[in-house]
C-alpha cells in the first residue's frame, strides 16, 4: 500500500541509518553529497555508517547508508 501511494505521488523511498523508510519528493532534494573524509576522529561530524547526505529545500537533511551514486541513479529513473 505504501509503495503504491509513493508511486502515485512520484516519491522515492530512502532508508535511514536506523532502518526506517522515508518517502521523499525528489523535487524537494537540493543536493546529494558524500560525507567529508576526516582522518582525525575528533573532527568527524558523522558516523561511519553515513555514506550519503540528502539536503532538502526546507533546510533539513537525511543521512543514509546508501551510496550517493546509487541514489543519483534511482533519481534519474
PDB file of N, CA and C in Angstrom:
ATOM      1  N   UNK A   1       0.826  -1.196   0.000  1.00  0.00           N
ATOM      2  CA  UNK A   1       0.000   0.000   0.000  1.00  0.00           C
ATOM      3  C   UNK A   1       0.868   1.257   0.000  1.00  0.00           C
ATOM      4  N   UNK A   2       1.885   1.265   0.857  1.00  0.00           N
ATOM      5  CA  UNK A   2       2.775   2.428   0.959  1.00  0.00           C
ATOM      6  C   UNK A   2       3.517   2.666  -0.350  1.00  0.00           C
ATOM      7  N   UNK A   3       3.993   1.596  -0.975  1.00  0.00           N
ATOM      8  CA  UNK A   3       4.712   1.734  -2.236  1.00  0.00           C
ATOM      9  C   UNK A   3       3.793   2.210  -3.360  1.00  0.00           C
ATOM     10  N   UNK A   4       2.538   1.778  -3.348  1.00  0.00           N
ATOM     11  CA  UNK A   4       1.585   2.220  -4.364  1.00  0.00           C
ATOM     12  C   UNK A   4       1.321   3.710  -4.223  1.00  0.00           C
ATOM     13  N   UNK A   5       1.191   4.188  -2.992  1.00  0.00           N
ATOM     14  CA  UNK A   5       0.989   5.618  -2.751  1.00  0.00           C
ATOM     15  C   UNK A   5       2.212   6.412  -3.168  1.00  0.00           C
ATOM     16  N   UNK A   6       3.394   5.877  -2.906  1.00  0.00           N
ATOM     17  CA  UNK A   6       4.635   6.556  -3.285  1.00  0.00           C
ATOM     18  C   UNK A   6       4.745   6.672  -4.795  1.00  0.00           C
ATOM     19  N   UNK A   7       4.373   5.624  -5.510  1.00  0.00           N
ATOM     20  CA  UNK A   7       4.447   5.651  -6.969  1.00  0.00           C
ATOM     21  C   UNK A   7       3.453   6.649  -7.541  1.00  0.00           C
ATOM     22  N   UNK A   8       2.272   6.724  -6.956  1.00  0.00           N
ATOM     23  CA  UNK A   8       1.249   7.652  -7.437  1.00  0.00           C
ATOM     24  C   UNK A   8       1.673   9.097  -7.223  1.00  0.00           C
ATOM     25  N   UNK A   9       2.381   9.363  -6.154  1.00  0.00           N
ATOM     26  CA  UNK A   9       2.818  10.717  -5.839  1.00  0.00           C
ATOM     27  C   UNK A   9       4.218  11.009  -6.362  1.00  0.00           C
ATOM     28  N   UNK A  10       4.834  10.024  -7.006  1.00  0.00           N
ATOM     29  CA  UNK A  10       6.190  10.146  -7.522  1.00  0.00           C
ATOM     30  C   UNK A  10       7.209  10.421  -6.414  1.00  0.00           C
ATOM     31  N   UNK A  11       7.073   9.722  -5.316  1.00  0.00           N
ATOM     32  CA  UNK A  11       8.006   9.817  -4.204  1.00  0.00           C
ATOM     33  C   UNK A  11       9.025   8.691  -4.323  1.00  0.00           C
ATOM     34  N   UNK A  12      10.193   8.900  -3.740  1.00  0.00           N
ATOM     35  CA  UNK A  12      11.179   7.822  -3.683  1.00  0.00           C
ATOM     36  C   UNK A  12      11.361   7.421  -2.230  1.00  0.00           C
ATOM     37  N   UNK A  13      11.696   6.165  -2.017  1.00  0.00           N
ATOM     38  CA  UNK A  13      11.925   5.680  -0.663  1.00  0.00           C
ATOM     39  C   UNK A  13      13.415   5.712  -0.364  1.00  0.00           C
ATOM     40  N   UNK A  14      13.746   6.305   0.755  1.00  0.00           N
ATOM     41  CA  UNK A  14      15.123   6.352   1.232  1.00  0.00           C
ATOM     42  C   UNK A  14      15.144   5.666   2.591  1.00  0.00           C
ATOM     43  N   UNK A  15      16.117   4.811   2.812  1.00  0.00           N
ATOM     44  CA  UNK A  15      16.232   4.097   4.084  1.00  0.00           C
ATOM     45  C   UNK A  15      17.251   4.829   4.952  1.00  0.00           C
ATOM     46  N   UNK A  16      16.817   5.214   6.146  1.00  0.00           N
ATOM     47  CA  UNK A  16      17.700   5.933   7.068  1.00  0.00           C
ATOM     48  C   UNK A  16      18.674   4.968   7.740  1.00  0.00           C
ATOM     49  N   UNK A  17      19.594   5.519   8.491  1.00  0.00           N
ATOM     50  CA  UNK A  17      20.615   4.699   9.150  1.00  0.00           C
ATOM     51  C   UNK A  17      20.029   3.707  10.138  1.00  0.00           C
ATOM     52  N   UNK A  18      18.894   4.062  10.738  1.00  0.00           N
ATOM     53  CA  UNK A  18      18.275   3.147  11.701  1.00  0.00           C
ATOM     54  C   UNK A  18      17.247   2.213  11.062  1.00  0.00           C
ATOM     55  N   UNK A  19      17.204   2.183   9.721  1.00  0.00           N
ATOM     56  CA  UNK A  19      16.358   1.239   9.019  1.00  0.00           C
ATOM     57  C   UNK A  19      14.947   1.716   8.707  1.00  0.00           C
ATOM     58  N   UNK A  20      14.611   2.950   9.057  1.00  0.00           N
ATOM     59  CA  UNK A  20      13.270   3.468   8.739  1.00  0.00           C
ATOM     60  C   UNK A  20      13.170   3.821   7.265  1.00  0.00           C
ATOM     61  N   UNK A  21      11.988   3.621   6.699  1.00  0.00           N
ATOM     62  CA  UNK A  21      11.714   4.007   5.322  1.00  0.00           C
ATOM     63  C   UNK A  21      11.137   5.419   5.321  1.00  0.00           C
ATOM     64  N   UNK A  22      11.740   6.306   4.550  1.00  0.00           N
ATOM     65  CA  UNK A  22      11.286   7.685   4.444  1.00  0.00           C
ATOM     66  C   UNK A  22      10.943   7.949   2.984  1.00  0.00           C
ATOM     67  N   UNK A  23       9.737   8.447   2.746  1.00  0.00           N
ATOM     68  CA  UNK A  23       9.328   8.806   1.400  1.00  0.00           C
ATOM     69  C   UNK A  23       9.668  10.271   1.161  1.00  0.00           C
ATOM     70  N   UNK A  24      10.362  10.543   0.065  1.00  0.00           N
ATOM     71  CA  UNK A  24      10.832  11.887  -0.233  1.00  0.00           C
ATOM     72  C   UNK A  24      10.380  12.281  -1.632  1.00  0.00           C
ATOM     73  N   UNK A  25       9.930  13.516  -1.768  1.00  0.00           N
ATOM     74  CA  UNK A  25       9.607  14.068  -3.075  1.00  0.00           C
ATOM     75  C   UNK A  25      10.927  14.468  -3.727  1.00  0.00           C
ATOM     76  N   UNK A  26      11.295  13.864  -4.845  1.00  0.00           N
ATOM     77  CA  UNK A  26      12.572  14.192  -5.487  1.00  0.00           C
ATOM     78  C   UNK A  26      12.709  15.666  -5.847  1.00  0.00           C
ATOM     79  N   UNK A  27      11.586  16.339  -6.048  1.00  0.00           N
ATOM     80  CA  UNK A  27      11.617  17.763  -6.378  1.00  0.00           C
ATOM     81  C   UNK A  27      12.058  18.613  -5.193  1.00  0.00           C
ATOM     82  N   UNK A  28      12.047  18.036  -3.996  1.00  0.00           N
ATOM     83  CA  UNK A  28      12.455  18.752  -2.789  1.00  0.00           C
ATOM     84  C   UNK A  28      13.929  18.540  -2.442  1.00  0.00           C
ATOM     85  N   UNK A  29      14.624  17.715  -3.230  1.00  0.00           N
ATOM     86  CA  UNK A  29      16.044  17.461  -2.971  1.00  0.00           C
ATOM     87  C   UNK A  29      16.871  18.584  -3.584  1.00  0.00           C
ATOM     88  N   UNK A  30      17.667  19.244  -2.742  1.00  0.00           N
ATOM     89  CA  UNK A  30      18.528  20.346  -3.177  1.00  0.00           C
ATOM     90  C   UNK A  30      19.895  19.821  -3.589  1.00  0.00           C
ATOM     91  N   UNK A  31      20.451  18.925  -2.780  1.00  0.00           N
ATOM     92  CA  UNK A  31      21.769  18.382  -3.091  1.00  0.00           C
ATOM     93  C   UNK A  31      21.937  17.003  -2.476  1.00  0.00           C
ATOM     94  N   UNK A  32      22.877  16.271  -3.057  1.00  0.00           N
ATOM     95  CA  UNK A  32      23.259  14.947  -2.572  1.00  0.00           C
ATOM     96  C   UNK A  32      24.778  14.960  -2.495  1.00  0.00           C
ATOM     97  N   UNK A  33      25.326  14.602  -1.344  1.00  0.00           N
ATOM     98  CA  UNK A  33      26.784  14.647  -1.221  1.00  0.00           C
ATOM     99  C   UNK A  33      27.307  13.552  -0.299  1.00  0.00           C
ATOM    100  N   UNK A  34      28.530  13.148  -0.588  1.00  0.00           N
ATOM    101  CA  UNK A  34      29.213  12.208   0.281  1.00  0.00           C
ATOM    102  C   UNK A  34      29.687  12.962   1.521  1.00  0.00           C
ATOM    103  N   UNK A  35      29.728  12.301   2.668  1.00  0.00           N
ATOM    104  CA  UNK A  35      30.259  12.977   3.862  1.00  0.00           C
ATOM    105  C   UNK A  35      31.752  13.255   3.681  1.00  0.00           C
ATOM    106  N   UNK A  36      32.220  14.312   4.289  1.00  0.00           N
ATOM    107  CA  UNK A  36      33.633  14.655   4.152  1.00  0.00           C
ATOM    108  C   UNK A  36      34.490  13.604   4.841  1.00  0.00           C
ATOM    109  N   UNK A  37      35.650  13.404   4.281  1.00  0.00           N
ATOM    110  CA  UNK A  37      36.601  12.440   4.839  1.00  0.00           C
ATOM    111  C   UNK A  37      37.480  13.147   5.860  1.00  0.00           C
ATOM    112  N   UNK A  38      37.405  12.721   7.091  1.00  0.00           N
ATOM    113  CA  UNK A  38      38.259  13.279   8.130  1.00  0.00           C
ATOM    114  C   UNK A  38      39.093  12.157   8.717  1.00  0.00           C
ATOM    115  N   UNK A  39      40.374  12.340   8.722  1.00  0.00           N
ATOM    116  CA  UNK A  39      41.264  11.303   9.254  1.00  0.00           C
ATOM    117  C   UNK A  39      41.331  11.350  10.770  1.00  0.00           C
ATOM    118  N   UNK A  40      41.037  12.483  11.352  1.00  0.00           N
ATOM    119  CA  UNK A  40      41.104  12.649  12.799  1.00  0.00           C
ATOM    120  C   UNK A  40      39.716  12.434  13.400  1.00  0.00           C
ATOM    121  N   UNK A  41      39.594  11.481  14.325  1.00  0.00           N
ATOM    122  CA  UNK A  41      38.303  11.132  14.904  1.00  0.00           C
ATOM    123  C   UNK A  41      37.629  12.323  15.584  1.00  0.00           C
ATOM    124  N   UNK A  42      38.390  13.225  16.173  1.00  0.00           N
ATOM    125  CA  UNK A  42      37.768  14.359  16.868  1.00  0.00           C
ATOM    126  C   UNK A  42      37.143  15.365  15.899  1.00  0.00           C
ATOM    127  N   UNK A  43      37.530  15.333  14.624  1.00  0.00           N
ATOM    128  CA  UNK A  43      36.976  16.240  13.621  1.00  0.00           C
ATOM    129  C   UNK A  43      35.806  15.637  12.846  1.00  0.00           C
ATOM    130  N   UNK A  44      35.490  14.369  13.113  1.00  0.00           N
ATOM    131  CA  UNK A  44      34.408  13.702  12.392  1.00  0.00           C
ATOM    132  C   UNK A  44      33.066  14.286  12.808  1.00  0.00           C
ATOM    133  N   UNK A  45      32.234  14.532  11.802  1.00  0.00           N
ATOM    134  CA  UNK A  45      30.905  15.066  12.064  1.00  0.00           C
ATOM    135  C   UNK A  45      29.830  13.991  12.018  1.00  0.00           C
ATOM    136  N   UNK A  46      30.120  12.868  11.346  1.00  0.00           N
ATOM    137  CA  UNK A  46      29.126  11.812  11.172  1.00  0.00           C
ATOM    138  C   UNK A  46      29.732  10.448  11.434  1.00  0.00           C
ATOM    139  N   UNK A  47      28.856   9.525  11.719  1.00  0.00           N
ATOM    140  CA  UNK A  47      29.279   8.146  11.935  1.00  0.00           C
ATOM    141  C   UNK A  47      29.745   7.513  10.623  1.00  0.00           C
ATOM    142  N   UNK A  48      30.496   6.448  10.721  1.00  0.00           N
ATOM    143  CA  UNK A  48      30.981   5.749   9.532  1.00  0.00           C
ATOM    144  C   UNK A  48      29.850   5.095   8.737  1.00  0.00           C
ATOM    145  N   UNK A  49      28.665   4.960   9.334  1.00  0.00           N
ATOM    146  CA  UNK A  49      27.524   4.365   8.641  1.00  0.00           C
ATOM    147  C   UNK A  49      26.965   5.285   7.565  1.00  0.00           C
ATOM    148  N   UNK A  50      27.247   6.581   7.656  1.00  0.00           N
ATOM    149  CA  UNK A  50      26.712   7.543   6.679  1.00  0.00           C
ATOM    150  C   UNK A  50      27.541   7.489   5.408  1.00  0.00           C
ATOM    151  N   UNK A  51      26.874   7.139   4.293  1.00  0.00           N
ATOM    152  CA  UNK A  51      27.553   7.096   3.001  1.00  0.00           C
ATOM    153  C   UNK A  51      27.068   8.190   2.072  1.00  0.00           C
ATOM    154  N   UNK A  52      25.956   8.842   2.440  1.00  0.00           N
ATOM    155  CA  UNK A  52      25.413   9.899   1.605  1.00  0.00           C
ATOM    156  C   UNK A  52      24.524  10.800   2.458  1.00  0.00           C
ATOM    157  N   UNK A  53      24.522  12.091   2.129  1.00  0.00           N
ATOM    158  CA  UNK A  53      23.688  13.067   2.821  1.00  0.00           C
ATOM    159  C   UNK A  53      22.790  13.731   1.786  1.00  0.00           C
ATOM    160  N   UNK A  54      21.485  13.726   2.056  1.00  0.00           N
ATOM    161  CA  UNK A  54      20.498  14.319   1.157  1.00  0.00           C
ATOM    162  C   UNK A  54      19.981  15.599   1.814  1.00  0.00           C
ATOM    163  N   UNK A  55      20.187  16.735   1.162  1.00  0.00           N
ATOM    164  CA  UNK A  55      19.697  18.016   1.679  1.00  0.00           C
ATOM    165  C   UNK A  55      18.395  18.371   0.983  1.00  0.00           C
ATOM    166  N   UNK A  56      17.417  18.855   1.772  1.00  0.00           N
ATOM    167  CA  UNK A  56      16.097  19.166   1.262  1.00  0.00           C
ATOM    168  C   UNK A  56      15.828  20.671   1.268  1.00  0.00           C
ATOM    169  N   UNK A  57      14.811  21.088   0.515  1.00  0.00           N
ATOM    170  CA  UNK A  57      14.503  22.515   0.375  1.00  0.00           C
ATOM    171  C   UNK A  57      14.106  23.170   1.691  1.00  0.00           C
ATOM    172  N   UNK A  58      13.603  22.407   2.651  1.00  0.00           N
ATOM    173  CA  UNK A  58      13.197  23.001   3.926  1.00  0.00           C
ATOM    174  C   UNK A  58      14.357  23.145   4.912  1.00  0.00           C
ATOM    175  N   UNK A  59      15.579  22.874   4.452  1.00  0.00           N
ATOM    176  CA  UNK A  59      16.761  23.049   5.288  1.00  0.00           C
ATOM    177  C   UNK A  59      17.156  21.822   6.090  1.00  0.00           C
ATOM    178  N   UNK A  60      16.374  20.759   6.012  1.00  0.00           N
ATOM    179  CA  UNK A  60      16.719  19.542   6.739  1.00  0.00           C
ATOM    180  C   UNK A  60      17.594  18.649   5.865  1.00  0.00           C
ATOM    181  N   UNK A  61      18.163  17.638   6.482  1.00  0.00           N
ATOM    182  CA  UNK A  61      18.963  16.673   5.730  1.00  0.00           C
ATOM    183  C   UNK A  61      18.680  15.279   6.254  1.00  0.00           C
ATOM    184  N   UNK A  62      18.942  14.301   5.397  1.00  0.00           N
ATOM    185  CA  UNK A  62      18.769  12.897   5.752  1.00  0.00           C
ATOM    186  C   UNK A  62      20.104  12.205   5.511  1.00  0.00           C
ATOM    187  N   UNK A  63      20.624  11.565   6.540  1.00  0.00           N
ATOM    188  CA  UNK A  63      21.843  10.769   6.412  1.00  0.00           C
ATOM    189  C   UNK A  63      21.430   9.347   6.074  1.00  0.00           C
ATOM    190  N   UNK A  64      22.015   8.792   5.008  1.00  0.00           N
ATOM    191  CA  UNK A  64      21.622   7.456   4.587  1.00  0.00           C
ATOM    192  C   UNK A  64      22.835   6.551   4.409  1.00  0.00           C
ATOM    193  N   UNK A  65      22.596   5.250   4.497  1.00  0.00           N
ATOM    194  CA  UNK A  65      23.663   4.270   4.336  1.00  0.00           C
ATOM    195  C   UNK A  65      23.899   3.943   2.869  1.00  0.00           C
ATOM    196  N   UNK A  66      22.912   4.233   2.019  1.00  0.00           N
ATOM    197  CA  UNK A  66      23.050   4.008   0.580  1.00  0.00           C
ATOM    198  C   UNK A  66      24.097   4.969   0.024  1.00  0.00           C
ATOM    199  N   UNK A  67      24.872   4.507  -0.947  1.00  0.00           N
ATOM    200  CA  UNK A  67      25.886   5.393  -1.520  1.00  0.00           C
ATOM    201  C   UNK A  67      25.238   6.387  -2.483  1.00  0.00           C
ATOM    202  N   UNK A  68      25.857   7.545  -2.639  1.00  0.00           N
ATOM    203  CA  UNK A  68      25.317   8.627  -3.467  1.00  0.00           C
ATOM    204  C   UNK A  68      25.143   8.250  -4.935  1.00  0.00           C
ATOM    205  N   UNK A  69      26.098   7.549  -5.567  1.00  0.00           N
ATOM    206  CA  UNK A  69      25.881   7.177  -6.967  1.00  0.00           C
ATOM    207  C   UNK A  69      24.623   6.321  -7.167  1.00  0.00           C
ATOM    208  N   UNK A  70      24.328   5.424  -6.238  1.00  0.00           N
ATOM    209  CA  UNK A  70      23.124   4.594  -6.344  1.00  0.00           C
ATOM    210  C   UNK A  70      21.859   5.446  -6.241  1.00  0.00           C
ATOM    211  N   UNK A  71      21.870   6.397  -5.316  1.00  0.00           N
ATOM    212  CA  UNK A  71      20.726   7.287  -5.163  1.00  0.00           C
ATOM    213  C   UNK A  71      20.548   8.170  -6.394  1.00  0.00           C
ATOM    214  N   UNK A  72      21.634   8.699  -6.917  1.00  0.00           N
ATOM    215  CA  UNK A  72      21.555   9.527  -8.135  1.00  0.00           C
ATOM    216  C   UNK A  72      20.967   8.725  -9.292  1.00  0.00           C
ATOM    217  N   UNK A  73      21.365   7.471  -9.407  1.00  0.00           N
ATOM    218  CA  UNK A  73      20.853   6.607 -10.469  1.00  0.00           C
ATOM    219  C   UNK A  73      19.343   6.408 -10.313  1.00  0.00           C
ATOM    220  N   UNK A  74      18.888   6.167  -9.092  1.00  0.00           N
ATOM    221  CA  UNK A  74      17.447   5.989  -8.865  1.00  0.00           C
ATOM    222  C   UNK A  74      16.685   7.272  -9.184  1.00  0.00           C
ATOM    223  N   UNK A  75      17.269   8.421  -8.918  1.00  0.00           N
ATOM    224  CA  UNK A  75      16.595   9.687  -9.184  1.00  0.00           C
ATOM    225  C   UNK A  75      16.474   9.948 -10.686  1.00  0.00           C
ATOM    226  N   UNK A  76      17.381   9.411 -11.488  1.00  0.00           N
ATOM    227  CA  UNK A  76      17.335   9.604 -12.937  1.00  0.00           C
ATOM    228  C   UNK A  76      16.219   8.797 -13.576  1.00  0.00           C
ATOM    229  N   UNK A  77      15.788   7.731 -12.917  1.00  0.00           N
ATOM    230  CA  UNK A  77      14.769   6.836 -13.499  1.00  0.00           C
ATOM    231  C   UNK A  77      13.395   7.446 -13.443  1.00  0.00           C
TER     232      UNK A  77
END
